[in-house]
Amino acid sequence: MADTARESVVIAGAGPIGLACALSARRRGLDPLLLDHGAIVNSIVRYPVGMSFFTTPELLEIGGHPFPCAGEKPTREEAMRYYRGIVRTERLRVRTDTRLLGAERRGSTLHLSMDGYGGPRELEADRLVLATGYLDHPRRLGVPGEDLEHVRHLYDEGHLSHGQDVVVVGGKNSAVEAALDLFRCGARVTLVHRNEAIGETVKYWMKPDFENRLRAGELAARFRTQVTRIEPDRVHVVGPDGAAAELPARRVYLLTGYQPDFDLFRRCGVNLDPDTLRPELNPENLESNVPGIHLVGSITRGRQVSDVFIENGRFDGEKVFANLPLRSAP
């Protein structure tokens, strides 16, 4: 096509790990193009307003840029400011509102197809780095009513639910944190979880807080319980004894986890393990079975995305570009 352009490196995903990969490429004299279907660090943008990270700022730093913050742990807003500043300072090229649809190797060149605002819809590239994360693909329950307007797969903020009945589905960090925030914002909260209790990996300071609220009757929880249907004003569930129940709900948060865009990987020709859905990768440089296509961050773990965070995934770009000599220091 007439508008096809050529890039040495294209990075799909402008989150912290994608940006770190871009800096690794930049230190080696390359000028990568980043694509993201949303905004810069779109996953952080979608975090609850005012949320604080569980980790300290130095573990979120990339490219040797110090991360200043007011408290011991950075907030969502401080992180957005930090990563936005890196894009500005390093003059990284980021094309937002642009989704990678697929890639195909033809001879020595990768041909990429995209959908989004402005720019060519096709690109040629020598190397493609997939840093797409997983927060845009929730694990769906597959029940009627899951797509109703008052149902969310990502938590926003508790203030919106003051004085309302709210059902939170899930039992890990996101669900427990949301339930506690909703309670403190004046909502009447019921947590529904399919297991016997909340997860063992729930953060150590949240677990006793949640359990104390349960004992005090300030929160409700239904364990070993499954959602069967969602209606505009209630959630239908089935408990451990098979008995059906209806829970009033003006808002419903389905916080049951997320997964990578496995269909995108298949459209790029990447082989996935049939059981774990882990991509076929060279552990030395994270290159897939398709020459020139690399995967970084949480998506390298298939279904086990919780094994990788910003803290350890931020170094993956050094593996991807290790075959090129450094030209500038961080």
C-alpha atoms as a PDB file:
ATOM      1  CA  MET A   1       0.000   0.000   0.000  1.00  0.00           C
ATOM      2  CA  ALA A   2       1.072   3.560  -0.653  1.00  0.00           C
ATOM      3  CA  ASP A   3       0.979   4.586   3.032  1.00  0.00           C
ATOM      4  CA  THR A   4       3.087   1.676   4.294  1.00  0.00           C
ATOM      5  CA  ALA A   5       6.018   2.909   6.395  1.00  0.00           C
ATOM      6  CA  ARG A   6       9.144   1.116   7.585  1.00  0.00           C
ATOM      7  CA  GLU A   7      10.356   1.004  11.199  1.00  0.00           C
ATOM      8  CA  SER A   8      13.358  -0.709  12.739  1.00  0.00           C
ATOM      9  CA  VAL A   9      11.499  -1.484  15.990  1.00  0.00           C
ATOM     10  CA  VAL A  10       7.792  -1.379  16.803  1.00  0.00           C
ATOM     11  CA  ILE A  11       6.661  -1.912  20.397  1.00  0.00           C
ATOM     12  CA  ALA A  12       2.993  -2.785  20.918  1.00  0.00           C
ATOM     13  CA  GLY A  13       2.078  -1.487  24.355  1.00  0.00           C
ATOM     14  CA  ALA A  14       3.093   1.820  25.947  1.00  0.00           C
ATOM     15  CA  GLY A  15       2.858   0.658  29.536  1.00  0.00           C
ATOM     16  CA  PRO A  16       5.819   0.780  31.933  1.00  0.00           C
ATOM     17  CA  ILE A  17       7.408  -2.364  30.461  1.00  0.00           C
ATOM     18  CA  GLY A  18       6.861  -1.225  26.881  1.00  0.00           C
ATOM     19  CA  LEU A  19       8.426   2.132  27.731  1.00  0.00           C
ATOM     20  CA  ALA A  20      11.357   0.373  29.410  1.00  0.00           C
ATOM     21  CA  CYS A  21      11.880  -1.660  26.235  1.00  0.00           C
ATOM     22  CA  ALA A  22      11.839   1.547  24.204  1.00  0.00           C
ATOM     23  CA  LEU A  23      14.559   2.988  26.435  1.00  0.00           C
ATOM     24  CA  SER A  24      16.662  -0.167  26.014  1.00  0.00           C
ATOM     25  CA  ALA A  25      16.349   0.240  22.253  1.00  0.00           C
ATOM     26  CA  ARG A  26      17.092   3.975  22.452  1.00  0.00           C
ATOM     27  CA  ARG A  27      20.303   3.334  24.421  1.00  0.00           C
ATOM     28  CA  ARG A  28      21.451   1.237  21.463  1.00  0.00           C
ATOM     29  CA  GLY A  29      20.886   3.906  18.850  1.00  0.00           C
ATOM     30  CA  LEU A  30      17.414   2.807  17.715  1.00  0.00           C
ATOM     31  CA  ASP A  31      14.332   5.006  17.469  1.00  0.00           C
ATOM     32  CA  PRO A  32      11.414   2.703  18.341  1.00  0.00           C
ATOM     33  CA  LEU A  33       7.772   3.444  17.583  1.00  0.00           C
ATOM     34  CA  LEU A  34       5.331   2.572  20.368  1.00  0.00           C
ATOM     35  CA  LEU A  35       1.690   1.746  19.693  1.00  0.00           C
ATOM     36  CA  ASP A  36      -1.072   1.619  22.275  1.00  0.00           C
ATOM     37  CA  HIS A  37      -4.794   1.199  21.850  1.00  0.00           C
ATOM     38  CA  GLY A  38      -5.313   3.627  24.762  1.00  0.00           C
ATOM     39  CA  ALA A  39      -3.220   6.261  26.488  1.00  0.00           C
ATOM     40  CA  ILE A  40       0.365   6.123  27.724  1.00  0.00           C
ATOM     41  CA  VAL A  41       0.466   3.617  30.637  1.00  0.00           C
ATOM     42  CA  ASN A  42      -3.187   2.880  29.952  1.00  0.00           C
ATOM     43  CA  SER A  43      -3.301   0.115  32.564  1.00  0.00           C
ATOM     44  CA  ILE A  44      -2.324   2.605  35.293  1.00  0.00           C
ATOM     45  CA  VAL A  45      -4.860   5.122  33.994  1.00  0.00           C
ATOM     46  CA  ARG A  46      -7.536   2.504  34.658  1.00  0.00           C
ATOM     47  CA  TYR A  47      -6.487   1.979  38.281  1.00  0.00           C
ATOM     48  CA  PRO A  48      -8.868   3.389  40.922  1.00  0.00           C
ATOM     49  CA  VAL A  49      -8.504   7.147  41.457  1.00  0.00           C
ATOM     50  CA  GLY A  50      -6.027   7.884  44.256  1.00  0.00           C
ATOM     51  CA  MET A  51      -4.785   4.286  44.463  1.00  0.00           C
ATOM     52  CA  SER A  52      -1.335   3.706  45.967  1.00  0.00           C
ATOM     53  CA  PHE A  53       1.019   1.054  44.630  1.00  0.00           C
ATOM     54  CA  PHE A  54       1.978  -1.852  46.863  1.00  0.00           C
ATOM     55  CA  THR A  55       5.648  -1.280  46.027  1.00  0.00           C
ATOM     56  CA  THR A  56       8.158   1.523  46.556  1.00  0.00           C
ATOM     57  CA  PRO A  57       9.088   4.001  43.787  1.00  0.00           C
ATOM     58  CA  GLU A  58      12.621   2.773  43.098  1.00  0.00           C
ATOM     59  CA  LEU A  59      11.195  -0.589  41.991  1.00  0.00           C
ATOM     60  CA  LEU A  60       9.070   1.149  39.355  1.00  0.00           C
ATOM     61  CA  GLU A  61      11.907   3.202  37.863  1.00  0.00           C
ATOM     62  CA  ILE A  62      12.925   2.675  34.248  1.00  0.00           C
ATOM     63  CA  GLY A  63      15.805   3.926  32.137  1.00  0.00           C
ATOM     64  CA  GLY A  64      17.740   5.258  35.114  1.00  0.00           C
ATOM     65  CA  HIS A  65      15.192   8.017  35.744  1.00  0.00           C
ATOM     66  CA  PRO A  66      14.560   8.618  39.490  1.00  0.00           C
ATOM     67  CA  PHE A  67      10.919   8.383  40.579  1.00  0.00           C
ATOM     68  CA  PRO A  68      10.132  11.134  43.110  1.00  0.00           C
ATOM     69  CA  CYS A  69       6.957  10.802  45.163  1.00  0.00           C
ATOM     70  CA  ALA A  70       5.501  12.464  48.250  1.00  0.00           C
ATOM     71  CA  GLY A  71       4.977   9.346  50.352  1.00  0.00           C
ATOM     72  CA  GLU A  72       6.558   5.973  50.942  1.00  0.00           C
ATOM     73  CA  LYS A  73       4.632   4.461  48.034  1.00  0.00           C
ATOM     74  CA  PRO A  74       3.631   6.271  44.841  1.00  0.00           C
ATOM     75  CA  THR A  75       0.046   6.956  43.865  1.00  0.00           C
ATOM     76  CA  ARG A  76      -1.642   6.303  40.533  1.00  0.00           C
ATOM     77  CA  GLU A  77      -1.398   9.996  39.673  1.00  0.00           C
ATOM     78  CA  GLU A  78       2.314  10.200  40.535  1.00  0.00           C
ATOM     79  CA  ALA A  79       3.019   7.160  38.354  1.00  0.00           C
ATOM     80  CA  MET A  80       1.179   8.643  35.381  1.00  0.00           C
ATOM     81  CA  ARG A  81       3.160  11.867  35.806  1.00  0.00           C
ATOM     82  CA  TYR A  82       6.452   9.956  36.066  1.00  0.00           C
ATOM     83  CA  TYR A  83       5.999   7.807  32.962  1.00  0.00           C
ATOM     84  CA  ARG A  84       4.543  10.708  30.983  1.00  0.00           C
ATOM     85  CA  GLY A  85       7.624  12.719  31.885  1.00  0.00           C
ATOM     86  CA  ILE A  86       9.894   9.957  30.596  1.00  0.00           C
ATOM     87  CA  VAL A  87       8.107   9.981  27.236  1.00  0.00           C
ATOM     88  CA  ARG A  88       8.601  13.747  27.057  1.00  0.00           C
ATOM     89  CA  THR A  89      12.216  13.793  28.272  1.00  0.00           C
ATOM     90  CA  GLU A  90      13.350  10.894  26.082  1.00  0.00           C
ATOM     91  CA  ARG A  91      11.261  12.120  23.134  1.00  0.00           C
ATOM     92  CA  LEU A  92       9.786   8.697  22.614  1.00  0.00           C
ATOM     93  CA  ARG A  93       7.459   8.310  19.665  1.00  0.00           C
ATOM     94  CA  VAL A  94       4.106   7.007  20.909  1.00  0.00           C
ATOM     95  CA  ARG A  95       1.051   6.551  18.735  1.00  0.00           C
ATOM     96  CA  THR A  96      -1.927   6.285  21.088  1.00  0.00           C
ATOM     97  CA  ASP A  97      -5.429   5.078  20.198  1.00  0.00           C
ATOM     98  CA  THR A  98      -3.832   2.586  17.823  1.00  0.00           C
ATOM     99  CA  ARG A  99      -4.372  -1.142  18.178  1.00  0.00           C
ATOM    100  CA  LEU A 100      -2.109  -3.793  16.666  1.00  0.00           C
ATOM    101  CA  LEU A 101      -4.317  -6.295  14.859  1.00  0.00           C
ATOM    102  CA  GLY A 102      -1.683  -8.791  13.752  1.00  0.00           C
ATOM    103  CA  ALA A 103       1.689  -9.371  12.151  1.00  0.00           C
ATOM    104  CA  GLU A 104       3.078 -11.614   9.459  1.00  0.00           C
ATOM    105  CA  ARG A 105       6.655 -12.359   8.454  1.00  0.00           C
ATOM    106  CA  ARG A 106       7.254 -12.126   4.722  1.00  0.00           C
ATOM    107  CA  GLY A 107      10.837 -12.905   3.893  1.00  0.00           C
ATOM    108  CA  SER A 108      13.068 -10.693   6.029  1.00  0.00           C
ATOM    109  CA  THR A 109      10.322  -8.218   6.968  1.00  0.00           C
ATOM    110  CA  LEU A 110       7.447  -8.174   9.447  1.00  0.00           C
ATOM    111  CA  HIS A 111       4.204  -6.734   8.080  1.00  0.00           C
ATOM    112  CA  LEU A 112       1.988  -5.228  10.787  1.00  0.00           C
ATOM    113  CA  SER A 113      -1.683  -4.316  10.497  1.00  0.00           C
ATOM    114  CA  MET A 114      -3.281  -1.734  12.786  1.00  0.00           C
ATOM    115  CA  ASP A 115      -6.561  -0.041  13.531  1.00  0.00           C
ATOM    116  CA  GLY A 116      -6.704   3.385  15.093  1.00  0.00           C
ATOM    117  CA  TYR A 117      -6.506   7.129  14.825  1.00  0.00           C
ATOM    118  CA  GLY A 118      -4.305   8.584  12.091  1.00  0.00           C
ATOM    119  CA  GLY A 119      -1.125   7.247  10.555  1.00  0.00           C
ATOM    120  CA  PRO A 120      -0.665   4.329   8.196  1.00  0.00           C
ATOM    121  CA  ARG A 121      -2.777   1.229   8.774  1.00  0.00           C
ATOM    122  CA  GLU A 122       0.141  -0.979   7.791  1.00  0.00           C
ATOM    123  CA  LEU A 123       3.765  -0.944   8.847  1.00  0.00           C
ATOM    124  CA  GLU A 124       6.868  -2.849   7.919  1.00  0.00           C
ATOM    125  CA  ALA A 125       9.260  -3.577  10.775  1.00  0.00           C
ATOM    126  CA  ASP A 126      12.510  -5.380  11.390  1.00  0.00           C
ATOM    127  CA  ARG A 127      11.525  -6.223  14.956  1.00  0.00           C
ATOM    128  CA  LEU A 128       8.221  -6.300  16.880  1.00  0.00           C
ATOM    129  CA  VAL A 129       8.050  -6.340  20.671  1.00  0.00           C
ATOM    130  CA  LEU A 130       4.716  -7.331  22.185  1.00  0.00           C
ATOM    131  CA  ALA A 131       4.295  -5.618  25.558  1.00  0.00           C
ATOM    132  CA  THR A 132       0.505  -5.642  25.623  1.00  0.00           C
ATOM    133  CA  GLY A 133      -0.077  -6.710  29.229  1.00  0.00           C
ATOM    134  CA  TYR A 134      -3.399  -8.222  30.220  1.00  0.00           C
ATOM    135  CA  LEU A 135      -5.692  -5.693  31.934  1.00  0.00           C
ATOM    136  CA  ASP A 136      -7.782  -5.128  28.814  1.00  0.00           C
ATOM    137  CA  HIS A 137      -9.031  -8.710  28.727  1.00  0.00           C
ATOM    138  CA  PRO A 138     -11.016  -9.669  31.834  1.00  0.00           C
ATOM    139  CA  ARG A 139     -11.817 -13.267  32.594  1.00  0.00           C
ATOM    140  CA  ARG A 140     -15.525 -13.334  31.926  1.00  0.00           C
ATOM    141  CA  LEU A 141     -18.043 -15.302  33.960  1.00  0.00           C
ATOM    142  CA  GLY A 142     -20.126 -16.106  30.906  1.00  0.00           C
ATOM    143  CA  VAL A 143     -23.449 -15.466  32.652  1.00  0.00           C
ATOM    144  CA  PRO A 144     -26.516 -13.574  31.403  1.00  0.00           C
ATOM    145  CA  GLY A 145     -26.387  -9.875  32.271  1.00  0.00           C
ATOM    146  CA  GLU A 146     -22.602  -9.636  32.404  1.00  0.00           C
ATOM    147  CA  ASP A 147     -22.651  -6.766  29.902  1.00  0.00           C
ATOM    148  CA  LEU A 148     -25.299  -4.656  31.616  1.00  0.00           C
ATOM    149  CA  GLU A 149     -24.419  -0.995  32.117  1.00  0.00           C
ATOM    150  CA  HIS A 150     -24.026  -1.210  35.911  1.00  0.00           C
ATOM    151  CA  VAL A 151     -21.586  -4.154  35.711  1.00  0.00           C
ATOM    152  CA  ARG A 152     -17.842  -3.431  35.715  1.00  0.00           C
ATOM    153  CA  HIS A 153     -14.800  -5.669  35.205  1.00  0.00           C
ATOM    154  CA  LEU A 154     -12.489  -2.976  36.573  1.00  0.00           C
ATOM    155  CA  TYR A 155     -12.927  -1.093  39.827  1.00  0.00           C
ATOM    156  CA  ASP A 156     -13.234   2.688  39.634  1.00  0.00           C
ATOM    157  CA  GLU A 157     -13.950   4.302  43.012  1.00  0.00           C
ATOM    158  CA  GLY A 158     -16.189   3.826  46.027  1.00  0.00           C
ATOM    159  CA  HIS A 159     -17.659   7.321  46.178  1.00  0.00           C
ATOM    160  CA  LEU A 160     -20.035   6.492  43.311  1.00  0.00           C
ATOM    161  CA  SER A 161     -21.671   3.739  45.397  1.00  0.00           C
ATOM    162  CA  HIS A 162     -22.431   5.639  48.623  1.00  0.00           C
ATOM    163  CA  GLY A 163     -25.683   4.388  50.118  1.00  0.00           C
ATOM    164  CA  GLN A 164     -26.090   1.659  47.489  1.00  0.00           C
ATOM    165  CA  ASP A 165     -26.103  -2.130  47.493  1.00  0.00           C
ATOM    166  CA  VAL A 166     -22.989  -3.427  45.737  1.00  0.00           C
ATOM    167  CA  VAL A 167     -21.862  -6.953  44.876  1.00  0.00           C
ATOM    168  CA  VAL A 168     -18.151  -7.651  44.393  1.00  0.00           C
ATOM    169  CA  VAL A 169     -17.255 -10.959  42.753  1.00  0.00           C
ATOM    170  CA  GLY A 170     -13.767 -12.344  43.411  1.00  0.00           C
ATOM    171  CA  GLY A 171     -11.482 -13.191  46.300  1.00  0.00           C
ATOM    172  CA  LYS A 172      -8.024 -11.814  45.574  1.00  0.00           C
ATOM    173  CA  ASN A 173      -6.357  -8.446  46.092  1.00  0.00           C
ATOM    174  CA  SER A 174      -8.487  -6.402  43.697  1.00  0.00           C
ATOM    175  CA  ALA A 175     -11.780  -7.736  45.044  1.00  0.00           C
ATOM    176  CA  VAL A 176     -10.824  -7.392  48.704  1.00  0.00           C
ATOM    177  CA  GLU A 177      -9.417  -3.896  48.237  1.00  0.00           C
ATOM    178  CA  ALA A 178     -12.553  -2.827  46.348  1.00  0.00           C
ATOM    179  CA  ALA A 179     -14.847  -4.278  49.019  1.00  0.00           C
ATOM    180  CA  LEU A 180     -13.002  -2.387  51.770  1.00  0.00           C
ATOM    181  CA  ASP A 181     -13.017   0.882  49.832  1.00  0.00           C
ATOM    182  CA  LEU A 182     -16.713   0.556  49.032  1.00  0.00           C
ATOM    183  CA  PHE A 183     -17.500  -0.110  52.706  1.00  0.00           C
ATOM    184  CA  ARG A 184     -15.558   2.974  53.791  1.00  0.00           C
ATOM    185  CA  CYS A 185     -17.405   5.046  51.191  1.00  0.00           C
ATOM    186  CA  GLY A 186     -20.754   4.062  52.681  1.00  0.00           C
ATOM    187  CA  ALA A 187     -21.873   1.236  50.397  1.00  0.00           C
ATOM    188  CA  ARG A 188     -23.599  -1.946  51.542  1.00  0.00           C
ATOM    189  CA  VAL A 189     -21.195  -4.566  50.240  1.00  0.00           C
ATOM    190  CA  THR A 190     -21.483  -8.296  49.637  1.00  0.00           C
ATOM    191  CA  LEU A 191     -18.449 -10.195  48.358  1.00  0.00           C
ATOM    192  CA  VAL A 192     -19.145 -13.373  46.386  1.00  0.00           C
ATOM    193  CA  HIS A 193     -16.333 -15.896  45.931  1.00  0.00           C
ATOM    194  CA  ARG A 194     -16.317 -19.434  44.597  1.00  0.00           C
ATOM    195  CA  ASN A 195     -13.677 -20.659  47.072  1.00  0.00           C
ATOM    196  CA  GLU A 196     -13.777 -21.354  50.818  1.00  0.00           C
ATOM    197  CA  ALA A 197     -12.159 -18.037  51.779  1.00  0.00           C
ATOM    198  CA  ILE A 198     -10.326 -15.072  50.300  1.00  0.00           C
ATOM    199  CA  GLY A 199      -7.000 -15.908  48.667  1.00  0.00           C
ATOM    200  CA  GLU A 200      -3.879 -16.627  50.688  1.00  0.00           C
ATOM    201  CA  THR A 201      -1.965 -14.078  48.605  1.00  0.00           C
ATOM    202  CA  VAL A 202      -4.165 -11.157  49.676  1.00  0.00           C
ATOM    203  CA  LYS A 203      -1.869  -8.415  51.017  1.00  0.00           C
ATOM    204  CA  TYR A 204      -1.026  -8.912  54.677  1.00  0.00           C
ATOM    205  CA  TRP A 205      -2.465  -5.562  55.778  1.00  0.00           C
ATOM    206  CA  MET A 206      -5.784  -6.064  53.938  1.00  0.00           C
ATOM    207  CA  LYS A 207      -6.594  -9.617  55.007  1.00  0.00           C
ATOM    208  CA  PRO A 208      -7.139  -8.919  58.752  1.00  0.00           C
ATOM    209  CA  ASP A 209      -8.941  -5.666  57.915  1.00  0.00           C
ATOM    210  CA  PHE A 210     -11.399  -7.544  55.702  1.00  0.00           C
ATOM    211  CA  GLU A 211     -11.872 -10.374  58.211  1.00  0.00           C
ATOM    212  CA  ASN A 212     -12.493  -7.889  61.029  1.00  0.00           C
ATOM    213  CA  ARG A 213     -15.157  -6.130  58.954  1.00  0.00           C
ATOM    214  CA  LEU A 214     -16.842  -9.491  58.358  1.00  0.00           C
ATOM    215  CA  ARG A 215     -16.853 -10.347  62.062  1.00  0.00           C
ATOM    216  CA  ALA A 216     -18.290  -6.937  62.886  1.00  0.00           C
ATOM    217  CA  GLY A 217     -21.061  -7.390  60.342  1.00  0.00           C
ATOM    218  CA  GLU A 218     -19.935  -4.341  58.399  1.00  0.00           C
ATOM    219  CA  LEU A 219     -19.374  -6.423  55.258  1.00  0.00           C
ATOM    220  CA  ALA A 220     -21.106  -9.550  53.997  1.00  0.00           C
ATOM    221  CA  ALA A 221     -19.490 -12.446  52.163  1.00  0.00           C
ATOM    222  CA  ARG A 222     -20.793 -15.573  50.473  1.00  0.00           C
ATOM    223  CA  PHE A 223     -18.106 -18.185  49.934  1.00  0.00           C
ATOM    224  CA  ARG A 224     -18.352 -21.320  47.797  1.00  0.00           C
ATOM    225  CA  THR A 225     -20.916 -19.382  45.812  1.00  0.00           C
ATOM    226  CA  GLN A 226     -21.329 -18.876  42.061  1.00  0.00           C
ATOM    227  CA  VAL A 227     -23.085 -16.129  40.121  1.00  0.00           C
ATOM    228  CA  THR A 228     -25.705 -17.499  37.716  1.00  0.00           C
ATOM    229  CA  ARG A 229     -27.391 -14.353  36.389  1.00  0.00           C
ATOM    230  CA  ILE A 230     -27.212 -10.572  36.728  1.00  0.00           C
ATOM    231  CA  GLU A 231     -30.261  -8.319  36.458  1.00  0.00           C
ATOM    232  CA  PRO A 232     -30.496  -4.511  36.644  1.00  0.00           C
ATOM    233  CA  ASP A 233     -31.220  -4.544  40.390  1.00  0.00           C
ATOM    234  CA  ARG A 234     -29.979  -7.928  41.646  1.00  0.00           C
ATOM    235  CA  VAL A 235     -27.499 -10.764  41.287  1.00  0.00           C
ATOM    236  CA  HIS A 236     -28.628 -14.390  41.276  1.00  0.00           C
ATOM    237  CA  VAL A 237     -26.258 -16.837  42.981  1.00  0.00           C
ATOM    238  CA  VAL A 238     -26.090 -20.496  43.947  1.00  0.00           C
ATOM    239  CA  GLY A 239     -24.497 -21.445  47.248  1.00  0.00           C
ATOM    240  CA  PRO A 240     -22.546 -24.526  48.384  1.00  0.00           C
ATOM    241  CA  ASP A 241     -25.729 -26.450  49.184  1.00  0.00           C
ATOM    242  CA  GLY A 242     -27.221 -25.722  45.775  1.00  0.00           C
ATOM    243  CA  ALA A 243     -29.680 -23.220  47.196  1.00  0.00           C
ATOM    244  CA  ALA A 244     -30.405 -20.196  45.004  1.00  0.00           C
ATOM    245  CA  ALA A 245     -30.414 -16.655  46.382  1.00  0.00           C
ATOM    246  CA  GLU A 246     -30.871 -13.103  45.127  1.00  0.00           C
ATOM    247  CA  LEU A 247     -28.580 -10.282  46.223  1.00  0.00           C
ATOM    248  CA  PRO A 248     -29.706  -6.670  45.730  1.00  0.00           C
ATOM    249  CA  ALA A 249     -27.188  -4.712  43.656  1.00  0.00           C
ATOM    250  CA  ARG A 250     -27.160  -1.254  42.092  1.00  0.00           C
ATOM    251  CA  ARG A 251     -23.538  -1.851  41.073  1.00  0.00           C
ATOM    252  CA  VAL A 252     -21.666  -5.076  40.338  1.00  0.00           C
ATOM    253  CA  TYR A 253     -17.894  -5.460  40.148  1.00  0.00           C
ATOM    254  CA  LEU A 254     -16.653  -8.676  38.530  1.00  0.00           C
ATOM    255  CA  LEU A 255     -13.051  -8.647  39.758  1.00  0.00           C
ATOM    256  CA  THR A 256     -12.157 -12.170  38.711  1.00  0.00           C
ATOM    257  CA  GLY A 257      -8.834 -11.480  37.019  1.00  0.00           C
ATOM    258  CA  TYR A 258      -7.499 -10.826  33.545  1.00  0.00           C
ATOM    259  CA  GLN A 259      -5.609 -12.607  30.797  1.00  0.00           C
ATOM    260  CA  PRO A 260      -3.420 -11.669  27.813  1.00  0.00           C
ATOM    261  CA  ASP A 261      -4.812 -11.263  24.310  1.00  0.00           C
ATOM    262  CA  PHE A 262      -3.988 -14.788  23.197  1.00  0.00           C
ATOM    263  CA  ASP A 263      -5.853 -14.279  19.913  1.00  0.00           C
ATOM    264  CA  LEU A 264      -3.462 -11.450  18.999  1.00  0.00           C
ATOM    265  CA  PHE A 265      -0.469 -13.720  19.613  1.00  0.00           C
ATOM    266  CA  ARG A 266      -1.989 -16.360  17.356  1.00  0.00           C
ATOM    267  CA  ARG A 267      -2.625 -13.749  14.658  1.00  0.00           C
ATOM    268  CA  CYS A 268       1.067 -12.914  14.862  1.00  0.00           C
ATOM    269  CA  GLY A 269       1.941 -16.589  14.346  1.00  0.00           C
ATOM    270  CA  VAL A 270       3.237 -17.160  17.897  1.00  0.00           C
ATOM    271  CA  ASN A 271       2.951 -20.738  19.106  1.00  0.00           C
ATOM    272  CA  LEU A 272       1.191 -21.200  22.465  1.00  0.00           C
ATOM    273  CA  ASP A 273       1.401 -24.187  24.770  1.00  0.00           C
ATOM    274  CA  PRO A 274      -2.026 -25.899  24.573  1.00  0.00           C
ATOM    275  CA  ASP A 275      -2.291 -26.291  28.359  1.00  0.00           C
ATOM    276  CA  THR A 276      -0.606 -23.205  29.886  1.00  0.00           C
ATOM    277  CA  LEU A 277      -0.927 -20.898  26.838  1.00  0.00           C
ATOM    278  CA  ARG A 278       2.666 -19.842  27.405  1.00  0.00           C
ATOM    279  CA  PRO A 279       4.215 -18.526  24.187  1.00  0.00           C
ATOM    280  CA  GLU A 280       7.148 -20.375  22.658  1.00  0.00           C
ATOM    281  CA  LEU A 281      10.129 -18.161  23.532  1.00  0.00           C
ATOM    282  CA  ASN A 282      13.899 -18.218  23.569  1.00  0.00           C
ATOM    283  CA  PRO A 283      14.651 -17.480  27.254  1.00  0.00           C
ATOM    284  CA  GLU A 284      17.831 -15.601  26.333  1.00  0.00           C
ATOM    285  CA  ASN A 285      16.237 -12.864  24.218  1.00  0.00           C
ATOM    286  CA  LEU A 286      12.473 -13.555  24.563  1.00  0.00           C
ATOM    287  CA  GLU A 287      12.153 -14.085  20.808  1.00  0.00           C
ATOM    288  CA  SER A 288       9.211 -16.221  19.755  1.00  0.00           C
ATOM    289  CA  ASN A 289       9.088 -18.933  17.118  1.00  0.00           C
ATOM    290  CA  VAL A 290       8.499 -16.110  14.622  1.00  0.00           C
ATOM    291  CA  PRO A 291      11.879 -14.463  13.928  1.00  0.00           C
ATOM    292  CA  GLY A 292      11.857 -10.835  14.999  1.00  0.00           C
ATOM    293  CA  ILE A 293       8.790 -11.060  17.271  1.00  0.00           C
ATOM    294  CA  HIS A 294       9.560 -10.822  20.992  1.00  0.00           C
ATOM    295  CA  LEU A 295       7.204 -10.967  23.985  1.00  0.00           C
ATOM    296  CA  VAL A 296       7.928  -9.195  27.272  1.00  0.00           C
ATOM    297  CA  GLY A 297       6.393  -8.752  30.699  1.00  0.00           C
ATOM    298  CA  SER A 298       3.461 -10.674  32.111  1.00  0.00           C
ATOM    299  CA  ILE A 299       2.373 -12.085  28.754  1.00  0.00           C
ATOM    300  CA  THR A 300       5.434 -14.371  28.714  1.00  0.00           C
ATOM    301  CA  ARG A 301       3.776 -16.502  31.428  1.00  0.00           C
ATOM    302  CA  GLY A 302       0.603 -17.535  29.629  1.00  0.00           C
ATOM    303  CA  ARG A 303      -2.239 -17.880  32.113  1.00  0.00           C
ATOM    304  CA  GLN A 304       0.079 -17.234  35.110  1.00  0.00           C
ATOM    305  CA  VAL A 305       0.262 -13.479  34.588  1.00  0.00           C
ATOM    306  CA  SER A 306       0.640 -12.807  38.316  1.00  0.00           C
ATOM    307  CA  ASP A 307       4.254 -14.055  38.154  1.00  0.00           C
ATOM    308  CA  VAL A 308       5.450 -10.810  36.513  1.00  0.00           C
ATOM    309  CA  PHE A 309       5.072  -7.222  37.696  1.00  0.00           C
ATOM    310  CA  ILE A 310       6.583  -3.903  36.668  1.00  0.00           C
ATOM    311  CA  GLU A 311       9.304  -4.583  39.228  1.00  0.00           C
ATOM    312  CA  ASN A 312      10.762  -7.579  37.366  1.00  0.00           C
ATOM    313  CA  GLY A 313       9.340  -7.136  33.853  1.00  0.00           C
ATOM    314  CA  ARG A 314      11.022  -3.741  33.410  1.00  0.00           C
ATOM    315  CA  PHE A 315      14.334  -5.493  32.641  1.00  0.00           C
ATOM    316  CA  ASP A 316      13.020  -7.571  29.725  1.00  0.00           C
ATOM    317  CA  GLY A 317      14.070  -4.986  27.141  1.00  0.00           C
ATOM    318  CA  GLU A 318      17.695  -5.573  28.058  1.00  0.00           C
ATOM    319  CA  LYS A 319      17.240  -9.202  26.988  1.00  0.00           C
ATOM    320  CA  VAL A 320      15.488  -8.300  23.750  1.00  0.00           C
ATOM    321  CA  PHE A 321      18.222  -5.894  22.614  1.00  0.00           C
ATOM    322  CA  ALA A 322      21.205  -7.616  24.252  1.00  0.00           C
ATOM    323  CA  ASN A 323      22.684  -8.434  20.842  1.00  0.00           C
ATOM    324  CA  LEU A 324      23.221  -4.729  20.126  1.00  0.00           C
ATOM    325  CA  PRO A 325      26.005  -2.671  21.731  1.00  0.00           C
ATOM    326  CA  LEU A 326      25.135   0.142  24.110  1.00  0.00           C
ATOM    327  CA  ARG A 327      25.729   3.594  22.647  1.00  0.00           C
ATOM    328  CA  SER A 328      24.628   5.722  25.590  1.00  0.00           C
ATOM    329  CA  ALA A 329      24.460   5.186  29.329  1.00  0.00           C
ATOM    330  CA  PRO A 330      21.138   5.326  31.228  1.00  0.00           C
END
